Amino acid sequence: MSTRNARNCKRAIGAGFVLAAAVLAGCASDIMKNYIGQPLESVVIDYGPPTEVLDLGPGERAYQWRKISTNAVSGTSTGEVRDTRHGRRYIETETPSYVEQKECFYTFYARSSGGRWYITNFRKPKLECE
């Protein structure tokens, strides 16, 4: 990873947009960049078949992978004893748990050559998917 890209990743982390797991693995666009020039099979071997294939014109396609991440966020319960007109009371505050989902799309552009498809470029994923 270049110094400039590493700095960009750290800024995004500092802004709170990137999950800690993404930091350890590197930015998605840095990983995607490594597939340029490789046959499509390289991506398929690592991530499975694409969820969408779009013909862009003669000998050009876009291959897209869709990833949905589901995360359960636990609730919290806090309390404190307060003095009221009616004596001391324990007041409890609860925050309910919830499930959050994040949908990310990863798109590679490819060109046909010699009967195979080769990655020529990619579309940078949205910031929260980096």
N, C-alpha and C. Protein backbone atom coordinates (compact mmCIF):
# COMPACT_ATOMS: atom_id res chain seq x y z
N MET A 1 0.86 -1.17 0.00
CA MET A 1 0.00 0.00 0.00
C MET A 1 0.90 1.22 0.00
N SER A 2 0.62 2.22 -0.84
CA SER A 2 1.44 3.41 -0.89
C SER A 2 1.19 4.27 0.34
N THR A 3 2.15 5.17 0.64
CA THR A 3 2.02 6.04 1.80
C THR A 3 0.79 6.93 1.69
N ARG A 4 0.53 7.42 0.48
CA ARG A 4 -0.63 8.29 0.27
C ARG A 4 -1.93 7.53 0.54
N ASN A 5 -2.05 6.31 0.02
CA ASN A 5 -3.25 5.51 0.26
C ASN A 5 -3.39 5.16 1.73
N ALA A 6 -2.29 4.86 2.39
CA ALA A 6 -2.35 4.55 3.82
C ALA A 6 -2.86 5.76 4.59
N ARG A 7 -2.39 6.96 4.23
CA ARG A 7 -2.85 8.17 4.90
C ARG A 7 -4.34 8.38 4.68
N ASN A 8 -4.82 8.14 3.45
CA ASN A 8 -6.25 8.29 3.16
C ASN A 8 -7.08 7.33 3.99
N CYS A 9 -6.61 6.09 4.13
CA CYS A 9 -7.33 5.11 4.94
C CYS A 9 -7.39 5.56 6.40
N LYS A 10 -6.27 6.07 6.92
CA LYS A 10 -6.24 6.50 8.32
C LYS A 10 -7.16 7.68 8.55
N ARG A 11 -7.26 8.59 7.58
CA ARG A 11 -8.18 9.72 7.72
C ARG A 11 -9.62 9.24 7.80
N ALA A 12 -9.96 8.28 6.95
CA ALA A 12 -11.32 7.75 6.96
C ALA A 12 -11.63 7.07 8.29
N ILE A 13 -10.64 6.39 8.83
CA ILE A 13 -10.83 5.72 10.12
C ILE A 13 -11.07 6.76 11.19
N GLY A 14 -10.24 7.81 11.18
CA GLY A 14 -10.38 8.87 12.17
C GLY A 14 -11.74 9.53 12.10
N ALA A 15 -12.31 9.59 10.92
CA ALA A 15 -13.64 10.19 10.76
C ALA A 15 -14.74 9.25 11.22
N GLY A 16 -14.39 8.01 11.50
CA GLY A 16 -15.39 7.07 12.01
C GLY A 16 -16.18 6.36 10.94
N PHE A 17 -15.72 6.40 9.70
CA PHE A 17 -16.49 5.79 8.61
C PHE A 17 -16.07 4.36 8.30
N VAL A 18 -14.92 3.94 8.79
CA VAL A 18 -14.42 2.62 8.44
C VAL A 18 -14.37 1.76 9.69
N LEU A 19 -14.84 0.56 9.59
CA LEU A 19 -14.83 -0.36 10.72
C LEU A 19 -13.43 -0.85 10.99
N ALA A 20 -13.17 -1.23 12.22
CA ALA A 20 -11.84 -1.69 12.61
C ALA A 20 -11.39 -2.88 11.76
N ALA A 21 -12.28 -3.75 11.40
CA ALA A 21 -11.91 -4.91 10.58
C ALA A 21 -11.38 -4.48 9.22
N ALA A 22 -11.95 -3.46 8.64
CA ALA A 22 -11.49 -2.98 7.35
C ALA A 22 -10.09 -2.38 7.47
N VAL A 23 -9.80 -1.79 8.61
CA VAL A 23 -8.48 -1.20 8.82
C VAL A 23 -7.43 -2.29 8.80
N LEU A 24 -7.70 -3.41 9.47
CA LEU A 24 -6.74 -4.49 9.53
C LEU A 24 -6.51 -5.12 8.17
N ALA A 25 -7.54 -5.19 7.35
CA ALA A 25 -7.43 -5.81 6.04
C ALA A 25 -6.95 -4.83 4.97
N GLY A 26 -7.02 -3.54 5.22
CA GLY A 26 -6.68 -2.54 4.22
C GLY A 26 -7.95 -2.05 3.57
N CYS A 27 -7.83 -0.98 2.81
CA CYS A 27 -9.00 -0.44 2.12
C CYS A 27 -9.39 -1.35 0.97
N ALA A 28 -10.69 -1.47 0.74
CA ALA A 28 -11.20 -2.34 -0.33
C ALA A 28 -10.62 -1.94 -1.68
N SER A 29 -10.53 -0.64 -1.94
CA SER A 29 -10.02 -0.22 -3.25
C SER A 29 -8.55 -0.59 -3.42
N ASP A 30 -7.78 -0.64 -2.33
CA ASP A 30 -6.39 -1.09 -2.43
C ASP A 30 -6.33 -2.57 -2.81
N ILE A 31 -7.23 -3.35 -2.26
CA ILE A 31 -7.29 -4.78 -2.58
C ILE A 31 -7.76 -4.96 -4.03
N MET A 32 -8.78 -4.20 -4.43
CA MET A 32 -9.33 -4.32 -5.78
C MET A 32 -8.29 -3.95 -6.83
N LYS A 33 -7.47 -2.98 -6.53
CA LYS A 33 -6.43 -2.50 -7.45
C LYS A 33 -5.49 -3.65 -7.86
N ASN A 34 -5.27 -4.58 -6.95
CA ASN A 34 -4.36 -5.70 -7.23
C ASN A 34 -4.88 -6.65 -8.30
N TYR A 35 -6.17 -6.60 -8.62
CA TYR A 35 -6.73 -7.50 -9.63
C TYR A 35 -6.61 -6.96 -11.05
N ILE A 36 -6.26 -5.71 -11.21
CA ILE A 36 -6.15 -5.13 -12.56
C ILE A 36 -5.08 -5.89 -13.35
N GLY A 37 -5.47 -6.31 -14.56
CA GLY A 37 -4.59 -7.08 -15.43
C GLY A 37 -4.72 -8.58 -15.25
N GLN A 38 -5.39 -9.01 -14.21
CA GLN A 38 -5.56 -10.45 -13.96
C GLN A 38 -6.83 -10.96 -14.63
N PRO A 39 -6.90 -12.25 -14.90
CA PRO A 39 -8.14 -12.81 -15.47
C PRO A 39 -9.26 -12.76 -14.43
N LEU A 40 -10.48 -12.67 -14.90
CA LEU A 40 -11.65 -12.62 -14.04
C LEU A 40 -11.68 -13.77 -13.04
N GLU A 41 -11.18 -14.92 -13.46
CA GLU A 41 -11.20 -16.10 -12.58
C GLU A 41 -10.49 -15.84 -11.26
N SER A 42 -9.52 -14.95 -11.23
CA SER A 42 -8.81 -14.63 -9.99
C SER A 42 -9.76 -14.07 -8.94
N VAL A 43 -10.65 -13.19 -9.37
CA VAL A 43 -11.62 -12.61 -8.44
C VAL A 43 -12.65 -13.65 -8.03
N VAL A 44 -13.11 -14.44 -8.99
CA VAL A 44 -14.12 -15.47 -8.71
C VAL A 44 -13.58 -16.51 -7.72
N ILE A 45 -12.32 -16.89 -7.88
CA ILE A 45 -11.71 -17.85 -6.96
C ILE A 45 -11.70 -17.30 -5.53
N ASP A 46 -11.42 -16.00 -5.39
CA ASP A 46 -11.33 -15.39 -4.06
C ASP A 46 -12.69 -15.04 -3.46
N TYR A 47 -13.67 -14.63 -4.29
CA TYR A 47 -14.93 -14.11 -3.75
C TYR A 47 -16.19 -14.79 -4.26
N GLY A 48 -16.04 -15.83 -5.06
CA GLY A 48 -17.20 -16.52 -5.58
C GLY A 48 -17.73 -15.84 -6.83
N PRO A 49 -18.81 -16.38 -7.38
CA PRO A 49 -19.36 -15.82 -8.62
C PRO A 49 -19.97 -14.43 -8.38
N PRO A 50 -19.93 -13.58 -9.39
CA PRO A 50 -20.53 -12.25 -9.24
C PRO A 50 -22.05 -12.35 -9.13
N THR A 51 -22.64 -11.37 -8.49
CA THR A 51 -24.10 -11.35 -8.36
C THR A 51 -24.75 -10.71 -9.59
N GLU A 52 -23.96 -9.96 -10.35
CA GLU A 52 -24.50 -9.27 -11.53
C GLU A 52 -23.41 -9.17 -12.60
N VAL A 53 -23.79 -9.37 -13.86
CA VAL A 53 -22.88 -9.19 -14.99
C VAL A 53 -23.59 -8.27 -15.98
N LEU A 54 -22.94 -7.17 -16.33
CA LEU A 54 -23.54 -6.20 -17.25
C LEU A 54 -22.69 -6.08 -18.50
N ASP A 55 -23.32 -6.26 -19.68
CA ASP A 55 -22.62 -6.03 -20.94
C ASP A 55 -22.57 -4.53 -21.19
N LEU A 56 -21.37 -4.01 -21.39
CA LEU A 56 -21.20 -2.56 -21.59
C LEU A 56 -20.99 -2.19 -23.05
N GLY A 57 -20.77 -3.17 -23.87
CA GLY A 57 -20.50 -2.94 -25.29
C GLY A 57 -19.69 -4.11 -25.81
N PRO A 58 -19.30 -4.06 -27.06
CA PRO A 58 -18.53 -5.18 -27.63
C PRO A 58 -17.24 -5.43 -26.85
N GLY A 59 -17.13 -6.61 -26.27
CA GLY A 59 -15.92 -7.01 -25.57
C GLY A 59 -15.69 -6.36 -24.23
N GLU A 60 -16.72 -5.69 -23.66
CA GLU A 60 -16.56 -5.04 -22.35
C GLU A 60 -17.72 -5.41 -21.44
N ARG A 61 -17.38 -5.69 -20.19
CA ARG A 61 -18.39 -6.04 -19.19
C ARG A 61 -18.05 -5.44 -17.83
N ALA A 62 -19.07 -5.38 -17.02
CA ALA A 62 -18.89 -5.02 -15.61
C ALA A 62 -19.37 -6.22 -14.80
N TYR A 63 -18.57 -6.63 -13.84
CA TYR A 63 -18.91 -7.73 -12.93
C TYR A 63 -19.06 -7.13 -11.54
N GLN A 64 -20.18 -7.46 -10.90
CA GLN A 64 -20.47 -6.84 -9.61
C GLN A 64 -20.74 -7.89 -8.54
N TRP A 65 -20.14 -7.65 -7.38
CA TRP A 65 -20.37 -8.49 -6.21
C TRP A 65 -21.10 -7.65 -5.19
N ARG A 66 -22.12 -8.24 -4.56
CA ARG A 66 -22.92 -7.55 -3.54
C ARG A 66 -22.67 -8.24 -2.21
N LYS A 67 -22.37 -7.46 -1.20
CA LYS A 67 -22.13 -8.01 0.13
C LYS A 67 -23.03 -7.30 1.14
N ILE A 68 -23.76 -8.08 1.90
CA ILE A 68 -24.59 -7.52 2.96
C ILE A 68 -24.00 -7.97 4.28
N SER A 69 -23.66 -7.02 5.10
CA SER A 69 -23.12 -7.31 6.43
C SER A 69 -24.21 -7.04 7.46
N THR A 70 -24.41 -7.99 8.34
CA THR A 70 -25.40 -7.84 9.40
C THR A 70 -24.67 -7.85 10.73
N ASN A 71 -25.00 -6.88 11.55
CA ASN A 71 -24.34 -6.74 12.83
C ASN A 71 -25.39 -6.54 13.92
N ALA A 72 -25.33 -7.36 14.97
CA ALA A 72 -26.25 -7.20 16.10
C ALA A 72 -25.59 -6.28 17.12
N VAL A 73 -26.28 -5.21 17.46
CA VAL A 73 -25.78 -4.25 18.45
C VAL A 73 -26.57 -4.47 19.73
N SER A 74 -25.86 -4.81 20.79
CA SER A 74 -26.56 -5.12 22.04
C SER A 74 -27.08 -3.86 22.72
N GLY A 75 -28.14 -4.02 23.44
CA GLY A 75 -28.71 -2.91 24.19
C GLY A 75 -27.95 -2.69 25.49
N THR A 76 -28.30 -1.61 26.15
CA THR A 76 -27.66 -1.31 27.43
C THR A 76 -28.72 -1.00 28.46
N SER A 77 -28.34 -1.15 29.70
CA SER A 77 -29.23 -0.82 30.81
C SER A 77 -28.38 -0.15 31.88
N THR A 78 -28.78 1.06 32.25
CA THR A 78 -28.07 1.77 33.32
C THR A 78 -29.10 2.26 34.33
N GLY A 79 -28.63 2.47 35.51
CA GLY A 79 -29.55 2.95 36.54
C GLY A 79 -28.82 3.72 37.61
N GLU A 80 -29.60 4.47 38.36
CA GLU A 80 -29.03 5.22 39.47
C GLU A 80 -30.11 5.46 40.52
N VAL A 81 -29.67 5.64 41.73
CA VAL A 81 -30.59 5.93 42.83
C VAL A 81 -30.71 7.45 42.91
N ARG A 82 -31.97 7.91 42.92
CA ARG A 82 -32.23 9.36 42.99
C ARG A 82 -33.12 9.66 44.19
N ASP A 83 -32.87 10.81 44.76
CA ASP A 83 -33.75 11.29 45.83
C ASP A 83 -34.90 12.03 45.19
N THR A 84 -36.12 11.62 45.51
CA THR A 84 -37.31 12.28 44.98
C THR A 84 -38.17 12.74 46.15
N ARG A 85 -39.28 13.38 45.84
CA ARG A 85 -40.20 13.82 46.90
C ARG A 85 -40.77 12.63 47.67
N HIS A 86 -40.76 11.48 47.03
CA HIS A 86 -41.35 10.28 47.63
C HIS A 86 -40.28 9.35 48.21
N GLY A 87 -39.07 9.86 48.38
CA GLY A 87 -38.00 9.03 48.93
C GLY A 87 -36.98 8.68 47.86
N ARG A 88 -36.13 7.75 48.22
CA ARG A 88 -35.10 7.32 47.26
C ARG A 88 -35.69 6.29 46.31
N ARG A 89 -35.40 6.48 45.03
CA ARG A 89 -35.90 5.56 44.01
C ARG A 89 -34.78 5.17 43.06
N TYR A 90 -34.88 3.95 42.58
CA TYR A 90 -33.93 3.48 41.57
C TYR A 90 -34.56 3.74 40.21
N ILE A 91 -33.90 4.55 39.41
CA ILE A 91 -34.38 4.90 38.07
C ILE A 91 -33.50 4.18 37.05
N GLU A 92 -34.15 3.38 36.20
CA GLU A 92 -33.42 2.61 35.20
C GLU A 92 -33.68 3.16 33.80
N THR A 93 -32.62 3.24 33.00
CA THR A 93 -32.73 3.68 31.61
C THR A 93 -32.23 2.55 30.72
N GLU A 94 -33.05 2.17 29.74
CA GLU A 94 -32.68 1.08 28.83
C GLU A 94 -32.59 1.58 27.40
N THR A 95 -31.58 1.09 26.71
CA THR A 95 -31.44 1.32 25.28
C THR A 95 -31.62 -0.04 24.62
N PRO A 96 -32.59 -0.17 23.74
CA PRO A 96 -32.85 -1.50 23.16
C PRO A 96 -31.74 -1.93 22.19
N SER A 97 -31.62 -3.23 22.02
CA SER A 97 -30.69 -3.75 21.02
C SER A 97 -31.33 -3.63 19.65
N TYR A 98 -30.50 -3.71 18.63
CA TYR A 98 -31.01 -3.63 17.26
C TYR A 98 -30.05 -4.34 16.32
N VAL A 99 -30.53 -4.58 15.11
CA VAL A 99 -29.72 -5.21 14.07
C VAL A 99 -29.50 -4.17 12.98
N GLU A 100 -28.23 -3.98 12.62
CA GLU A 100 -27.94 -3.04 11.53
C GLU A 100 -27.43 -3.82 10.34
N GLN A 101 -27.81 -3.36 9.15
CA GLN A 101 -27.35 -4.00 7.92
C GLN A 101 -26.66 -2.97 7.06
N LYS A 102 -25.61 -3.43 6.39
CA LYS A 102 -24.87 -2.57 5.48
C LYS A 102 -24.74 -3.31 4.16
N GLU A 103 -25.13 -2.65 3.07
CA GLU A 103 -25.05 -3.25 1.75
C GLU A 103 -23.94 -2.57 0.96
N CYS A 104 -23.03 -3.38 0.42
CA CYS A 104 -21.91 -2.86 -0.35
C CYS A 104 -21.85 -3.54 -1.71
N PHE A 105 -21.45 -2.76 -2.70
CA PHE A 105 -21.27 -3.27 -4.06
C PHE A 105 -19.82 -3.08 -4.47
N TYR A 106 -19.25 -4.12 -5.06
CA TYR A 106 -17.87 -4.09 -5.55
C TYR A 106 -17.91 -4.44 -7.03
N THR A 107 -17.49 -3.50 -7.87
CA THR A 107 -17.63 -3.64 -9.32
C THR A 107 -16.27 -3.61 -10.01
N PHE A 108 -16.04 -4.61 -10.86
CA PHE A 108 -14.84 -4.67 -11.69
C PHE A 108 -15.25 -4.54 -13.14
N TYR A 109 -14.44 -3.81 -13.91
CA TYR A 109 -14.65 -3.71 -15.35
C TYR A 109 -13.66 -4.66 -16.03
N ALA A 110 -14.13 -5.33 -17.08
CA ALA A 110 -13.28 -6.32 -17.76
C ALA A 110 -13.42 -6.20 -19.27
N ARG A 111 -12.37 -6.66 -19.95
CA ARG A 111 -12.34 -6.67 -21.41
C ARG A 111 -11.98 -8.07 -21.87
N SER A 112 -12.62 -8.49 -22.95
CA SER A 112 -12.38 -9.82 -23.51
C SER A 112 -11.11 -9.81 -24.35
N SER A 113 -10.31 -10.87 -24.16
CA SER A 113 -9.09 -11.02 -24.94
C SER A 113 -8.75 -12.50 -25.02
N GLY A 114 -8.69 -13.02 -26.24
CA GLY A 114 -8.34 -14.42 -26.43
C GLY A 114 -9.31 -15.38 -25.78
N GLY A 115 -10.58 -15.03 -25.73
CA GLY A 115 -11.60 -15.91 -25.16
C GLY A 115 -11.71 -15.84 -23.64
N ARG A 116 -10.94 -14.99 -22.99
CA ARG A 116 -11.02 -14.82 -21.53
C ARG A 116 -11.30 -13.36 -21.21
N TRP A 117 -11.74 -13.12 -19.99
CA TRP A 117 -12.03 -11.77 -19.53
C TRP A 117 -10.95 -11.34 -18.55
N TYR A 118 -10.42 -10.13 -18.77
CA TYR A 118 -9.36 -9.59 -17.93
C TYR A 118 -9.82 -8.29 -17.26
N ILE A 119 -9.49 -8.15 -16.00
CA ILE A 119 -9.88 -6.96 -15.24
C ILE A 119 -9.08 -5.77 -15.76
N THR A 120 -9.79 -4.69 -16.11
CA THR A 120 -9.14 -3.48 -16.61
C THR A 120 -9.24 -2.32 -15.63
N ASN A 121 -10.27 -2.35 -14.78
CA ASN A 121 -10.47 -1.25 -13.83
C ASN A 121 -11.51 -1.68 -12.81
N PHE A 122 -11.81 -0.81 -11.87
CA PHE A 122 -12.85 -1.07 -10.88
C PHE A 122 -13.51 0.23 -10.48
N ARG A 123 -14.68 0.11 -9.92
CA ARG A 123 -15.40 1.28 -9.40
C ARG A 123 -15.14 1.33 -7.91
N LYS A 124 -14.67 2.45 -7.43
CA LYS A 124 -14.35 2.59 -6.01
C LYS A 124 -15.64 2.45 -5.18
N PRO A 125 -15.64 1.58 -4.17
CA PRO A 125 -16.84 1.40 -3.34
C PRO A 125 -17.12 2.65 -2.50
N LYS A 126 -18.36 2.77 -2.03
CA LYS A 126 -18.69 3.92 -1.18
C LYS A 126 -17.84 3.86 0.09
N LEU A 127 -17.63 4.99 0.71
CA LEU A 127 -16.70 5.13 1.81
C LEU A 127 -16.92 4.14 2.95
N GLU A 128 -18.15 3.92 3.33
CA GLU A 128 -18.41 2.99 4.45
C GLU A 128 -18.14 1.53 4.08
N CYS A 129 -17.88 1.27 2.80
CA CYS A 129 -17.55 -0.09 2.35
C CYS A 129 -16.06 -0.28 2.15
N GLU A 130 -15.30 0.77 2.34
CA GLU A 130 -13.83 0.69 2.21
C GLU A 130 -13.33 -0.11 3.31
